[in-house]
Amino acid sequence: MLVTGAAQGIGLSIATRLKANGAIVHLADFDADGLTKSAAALQAPMHRFDLGQRDACHAAIESVVKQSGRIDGVYHAGGGVRGQVGRPSEEVSERDWRVIFEANVDGAFFLAQAAGPKMKPNGFGRFLFIASGAGLRPSLTGIQAYTAAKHALVGLTKQLSWEYGPFGITSNAVAPGFVLSNPTTQKQWESYGPEGQKRLVESIHTKRLGTPDDIAYAALMLTAPEAGWISGQILSVDGGRS
């Protein structure tokens, strides 16, 4: 199993839960320091590369297969907002727009493109993408590219399900609500101030924010061996807010 975004937060939680369930887990991220710490903690092999680079994504899949003999799953939790904040559309540069797509959508496609043919002969495989509530409606971040990219990831999830389903390979996504999972989300949370934080929590049925483990448990449920007839689905995990 290859888990991207494994240096912290949701990706690390998914990797931790997978390993606890007996999976051979490979960790991927662009954050060298965070990735090294995660790999040491889980005693798992690591692959540092840029999700926006097709050759790097393909090389990572080849490396997983070379080390483990096969690949049964790709869990794409990498991406995010790439340090950006919400601003008017006219202030967004071409590069700012494209870099978010590269991390969130291009990487998902390149990894699936490389892993799918490796899974087909085995008659089994799992693609699991971390989308977002921003892939279903406007984003609380106010970042246009992030919302558009997550909507695109939802479409890719469904298309891969159609393409790979006949080979025993499922493709699903989890769309998290607000989860304090990394410095970026912590900064966003603080920007709301006490009143904004209160309004957000009150809009959630369970009256609490999500945790990385909440998302990881949902990801594992969708990709369990017994979940072979669940594919092309986008599961909102947001405490009932949606």
Protein backbone atom coordinates (compact mmCIF):
# COMPACT_ATOMS: atom_id res chain seq x y z
CA MET A 1 0.00 0.00 0.00
CA LEU A 2 1.26 3.48 -0.84
CA VAL A 3 0.01 6.38 1.28
CA THR A 4 0.73 9.94 0.15
CA GLY A 5 0.67 12.89 2.51
CA ALA A 6 2.07 10.55 5.15
CA ALA A 7 4.32 13.11 6.85
CA GLN A 8 1.48 14.20 9.09
CA GLY A 9 -2.25 14.40 9.70
CA ILE A 10 -4.70 12.31 7.73
CA GLY A 11 -2.10 10.52 5.62
CA LEU A 12 -0.09 9.48 8.67
CA SER A 13 -3.23 8.29 10.44
CA ILE A 14 -4.26 6.18 7.43
CA ALA A 15 -0.79 4.65 7.24
CA THR A 16 -0.82 3.91 10.98
CA ARG A 17 -4.19 2.18 10.81
CA LEU A 18 -3.23 0.19 7.72
CA LYS A 19 -0.08 -1.08 9.37
CA ALA A 20 -1.99 -1.96 12.54
CA ASN A 21 -4.23 -4.11 10.34
CA GLY A 22 -1.24 -5.98 8.95
CA ALA A 23 -0.66 -4.16 5.67
CA ILE A 24 2.78 -3.51 4.22
CA VAL A 25 2.75 0.27 4.06
CA HIS A 26 4.94 2.60 2.03
CA LEU A 27 4.93 6.28 2.98
CA ALA A 28 5.15 9.18 0.53
CA ASP A 29 5.41 12.93 0.92
CA PHE A 30 7.41 15.93 -0.27
CA ASP A 31 8.14 17.05 3.30
CA ALA A 32 11.49 15.34 3.93
CA ASP A 33 11.66 15.98 7.67
CA GLY A 34 8.09 14.95 8.39
CA LEU A 35 8.35 11.91 6.15
CA THR A 36 11.54 10.76 7.83
CA LYS A 37 9.90 11.01 11.26
CA SER A 38 6.82 9.10 10.11
CA ALA A 39 8.91 6.38 8.49
CA ALA A 40 10.97 5.97 11.65
CA ALA A 41 7.87 5.81 13.84
CA LEU A 42 6.17 3.19 11.69
CA GLN A 43 9.32 1.39 10.60
CA ALA A 44 8.09 1.72 7.03
CA PRO A 45 9.84 2.48 3.73
CA MET A 46 9.52 6.03 2.47
CA HIS A 47 9.40 7.68 -0.94
CA ARG A 48 9.98 11.42 -1.23
CA PHE A 49 8.74 12.93 -4.48
CA ASP A 50 6.64 15.69 -6.03
CA LEU A 51 3.10 14.58 -6.81
CA GLY A 52 2.96 17.01 -9.70
CA GLN A 53 5.67 15.13 -11.61
CA ARG A 54 4.45 12.18 -13.68
CA ASP A 55 7.83 10.44 -13.84
CA ALA A 56 8.26 10.71 -10.08
CA CYS A 57 4.84 9.20 -9.42
CA HIS A 58 5.51 6.31 -11.78
CA ALA A 59 8.93 5.74 -10.25
CA ALA A 60 7.42 5.59 -6.77
CA ILE A 61 4.95 2.89 -7.82
CA GLU A 62 7.74 0.91 -9.48
CA SER A 63 9.77 1.20 -6.29
CA VAL A 64 6.90 -0.11 -4.15
CA VAL A 65 6.45 -3.10 -6.45
CA LYS A 66 10.18 -3.78 -6.51
CA GLN A 67 10.40 -3.74 -2.72
CA SER A 68 7.16 -5.54 -1.87
CA GLY A 69 6.46 -7.64 -4.94
CA ARG A 70 3.07 -6.06 -5.64
CA ILE A 71 0.88 -3.06 -4.89
CA ASP A 72 -2.69 -3.47 -3.69
CA GLY A 73 -3.67 0.07 -2.85
CA VAL A 74 -3.02 3.76 -3.34
CA TYR A 75 -4.24 6.11 -0.63
CA HIS A 76 -3.87 9.66 -1.86
CA ALA A 77 -4.01 12.03 1.11
CA GLY A 78 -1.42 14.44 -0.27
CA GLY A 79 -2.24 17.77 -1.84
CA GLY A 80 -3.80 20.53 0.18
CA VAL A 81 -3.68 24.27 -0.43
CA ARG A 82 0.07 24.58 -0.89
CA GLY A 83 0.35 27.40 1.64
CA GLN A 84 -2.20 29.60 -0.10
CA VAL A 85 -5.02 31.59 1.45
CA GLY A 86 -8.35 32.82 0.13
CA ARG A 87 -8.24 35.98 -2.00
CA PRO A 88 -10.13 37.56 -4.90
CA SER A 89 -9.93 35.69 -8.20
CA GLU A 90 -8.14 38.56 -9.92
CA GLU A 91 -5.19 38.18 -7.54
CA VAL A 92 -4.55 34.50 -8.31
CA SER A 93 -1.54 33.88 -10.58
CA GLU A 94 -1.36 31.12 -13.16
CA ARG A 95 1.23 29.26 -11.10
CA ASP A 96 -0.82 29.51 -7.91
CA TRP A 97 -3.75 28.00 -9.78
CA ARG A 98 -1.79 25.18 -11.39
CA VAL A 99 0.26 24.07 -8.39
CA ILE A 100 -2.88 23.14 -6.44
CA PHE A 101 -4.14 21.04 -9.34
CA GLU A 102 -0.74 19.37 -9.67
CA ALA A 103 -0.73 18.18 -6.07
CA ASN A 104 -4.38 17.26 -5.71
CA VAL A 105 -5.45 15.97 -9.13
CA ASP A 106 -2.42 15.35 -11.33
CA GLY A 107 -0.74 13.27 -8.66
CA ALA A 108 -3.86 11.18 -8.12
CA PHE A 109 -4.08 10.44 -11.84
CA PHE A 110 -0.39 9.71 -12.31
CA LEU A 111 -0.34 7.30 -9.38
CA ALA A 112 -3.45 5.50 -10.60
CA GLN A 113 -2.04 5.41 -14.12
CA ALA A 114 1.06 3.67 -12.82
CA ALA A 115 -0.56 1.40 -10.22
CA GLY A 116 -3.63 0.26 -12.14
CA PRO A 117 -1.78 -1.99 -14.60
CA LYS A 118 0.13 -3.54 -11.67
CA MET A 119 -3.13 -4.39 -9.89
CA LYS A 120 -5.05 -5.79 -12.86
CA PRO A 121 -3.29 -9.19 -13.05
CA ASN A 122 -4.04 -9.76 -9.35
CA GLY A 123 -7.76 -9.10 -9.73
CA PHE A 124 -7.69 -6.84 -6.71
CA GLY A 125 -6.87 -3.23 -5.92
CA ARG A 126 -7.98 -0.16 -4.05
CA PHE A 127 -7.83 3.53 -4.92
CA LEU A 128 -8.81 5.82 -2.06
CA PHE A 129 -8.65 9.58 -2.48
CA ILE A 130 -9.02 12.21 0.21
CA ALA A 131 -11.31 14.72 -1.41
CA SER A 132 -13.02 17.38 0.71
CA GLY A 133 -16.33 18.98 1.44
CA ALA A 134 -14.85 21.53 -0.98
CA GLY A 135 -15.24 18.89 -3.68
CA LEU A 136 -19.00 19.00 -3.21
CA ARG A 137 -19.68 22.67 -2.47
CA PRO A 138 -17.78 25.98 -2.07
CA SER A 139 -14.77 25.79 0.22
CA LEU A 140 -14.45 27.45 3.60
CA THR A 141 -10.87 28.27 2.56
CA GLY A 142 -12.09 30.63 -0.15
CA ILE A 143 -9.40 29.22 -2.47
CA GLN A 144 -10.86 28.84 -5.95
CA ALA A 145 -8.25 26.38 -7.22
CA TYR A 146 -8.67 24.15 -4.18
CA THR A 147 -12.43 23.91 -4.68
CA ALA A 148 -12.05 23.27 -8.40
CA ALA A 149 -9.31 20.68 -7.85
CA LYS A 150 -11.30 18.74 -5.28
CA HIS A 151 -14.34 18.74 -7.59
CA ALA A 152 -12.05 17.35 -10.29
CA LEU A 153 -10.78 14.68 -7.89
CA VAL A 154 -14.38 13.60 -7.26
CA GLY A 155 -14.86 13.20 -11.02
CA LEU A 156 -11.60 11.27 -11.37
CA THR A 157 -12.65 8.94 -8.55
CA LYS A 158 -15.84 8.03 -10.40
CA GLN A 159 -14.12 7.64 -13.77
CA LEU A 160 -11.44 5.34 -12.37
CA SER A 161 -14.19 3.25 -10.77
CA TRP A 162 -15.78 2.76 -14.18
CA GLU A 163 -12.46 1.91 -15.82
CA TYR A 164 -10.98 -0.42 -13.22
CA GLY A 165 -14.08 -1.95 -11.63
CA PRO A 166 -14.14 -4.94 -14.01
CA PHE A 167 -10.68 -5.92 -12.72
CA GLY A 168 -11.63 -6.05 -9.04
CA ILE A 169 -10.19 -2.59 -8.40
CA THR A 170 -12.41 -0.15 -6.52
CA SER A 171 -12.09 3.63 -6.50
CA ASN A 172 -13.64 5.72 -3.75
CA ALA A 173 -13.09 9.01 -1.95
CA VAL A 174 -13.63 10.42 1.51
CA ALA A 175 -14.77 14.02 1.71
CA PRO A 176 -13.76 15.28 5.17
CA GLY A 177 -15.34 18.16 6.98
CA PHE A 178 -13.15 20.52 8.99
CA VAL A 179 -10.30 18.53 10.54
CA LEU A 180 -7.40 20.01 12.51
CA SER A 181 -4.76 17.89 10.85
CA ASN A 182 -1.78 20.13 10.05
CA PRO A 183 -0.39 23.66 10.50
CA THR A 184 -2.47 24.96 7.58
CA THR A 185 -5.78 23.88 9.06
CA GLN A 186 -4.69 25.13 12.47
CA LYS A 187 -3.99 28.55 10.95
CA GLN A 188 -7.37 28.52 9.21
CA TRP A 189 -9.11 27.60 12.47
CA GLU A 190 -7.40 30.43 14.34
CA SER A 191 -8.39 32.91 11.61
CA TYR A 192 -12.08 32.34 12.40
CA GLY A 193 -11.75 33.76 15.91
CA PRO A 194 -13.85 32.60 18.87
CA GLU A 195 -17.20 33.54 17.33
CA GLY A 196 -16.44 31.93 13.98
CA GLN A 197 -15.17 28.79 15.67
CA LYS A 198 -18.33 28.58 17.73
CA ARG A 199 -20.55 28.97 14.66
CA LEU A 200 -18.67 26.24 12.81
CA VAL A 201 -18.88 23.75 15.67
CA GLU A 202 -22.57 24.51 16.17
CA SER A 203 -23.22 23.73 12.49
CA ILE A 204 -21.87 20.20 13.00
CA HIS A 205 -24.42 17.64 14.22
CA THR A 206 -21.90 15.93 16.52
CA LYS A 207 -20.81 19.32 17.93
CA ARG A 208 -17.10 18.66 17.51
CA LEU A 209 -14.40 18.97 14.90
CA GLY A 210 -13.14 15.89 13.11
CA THR A 211 -9.83 14.16 13.76
CA PRO A 212 -7.41 12.47 11.36
CA ASP A 213 -8.48 9.13 12.83
CA ASP A 214 -12.11 9.83 11.93
CA ILE A 215 -11.05 10.07 8.29
CA ALA A 216 -8.67 7.12 8.47
CA TYR A 217 -11.34 4.79 9.82
CA ALA A 218 -13.67 5.75 6.96
CA ALA A 219 -10.88 5.20 4.42
CA LEU A 220 -10.18 1.72 5.75
CA MET A 221 -13.87 0.83 5.76
CA LEU A 222 -14.20 1.72 2.07
CA THR A 223 -11.11 -0.27 1.11
CA ALA A 224 -11.53 -3.40 3.20
CA PRO A 225 -11.47 -6.71 1.27
CA GLU A 226 -15.16 -7.08 2.12
CA ALA A 227 -15.96 -3.74 0.42
CA GLY A 228 -15.47 -5.01 -3.12
CA TRP A 229 -18.93 -3.88 -4.25
CA ILE A 230 -18.48 -0.33 -2.98
CA SER A 231 -16.97 1.76 -5.74
CA GLY A 232 -17.37 5.18 -7.30
CA GLN A 233 -18.58 6.58 -3.98
CA ILE A 234 -17.81 9.85 -2.23
CA LEU A 235 -18.34 9.48 1.51
CA SER A 236 -18.80 12.71 3.45
CA VAL A 237 -17.21 12.36 6.88
CA ASP A 238 -18.10 15.65 8.52
CA GLY A 239 -20.08 14.95 11.68
CA GLY A 240 -23.35 15.37 9.79
CA ARG A 241 -22.69 18.93 8.62
CA SER A 242 -23.52 18.14 5.02
